[in-house]
């Protein structure tokens, strides 16, 4: 049972950060990913699209923002 009024306790902030970076990088469009993983590319070429990222659900923008706020 999840108490939505109370953020979860993060015991290992460093590990959580690594997991967040991996999760966020995997959610990003292919053109944002880099061979070294982090930071993500900020280069946007003509034809690049955010369509994959513009959705709700378990891998949507709002969930990512909430999870990052816990970090």
Foldseek 3Di string as FASTA:
>chain_A
DDDPVDDDDDPDVVVLVVVLLVLLLVQADPQQADPVRPDTDPDDDPPDDCVSAPDDDPRHDVVSVVSVVSD
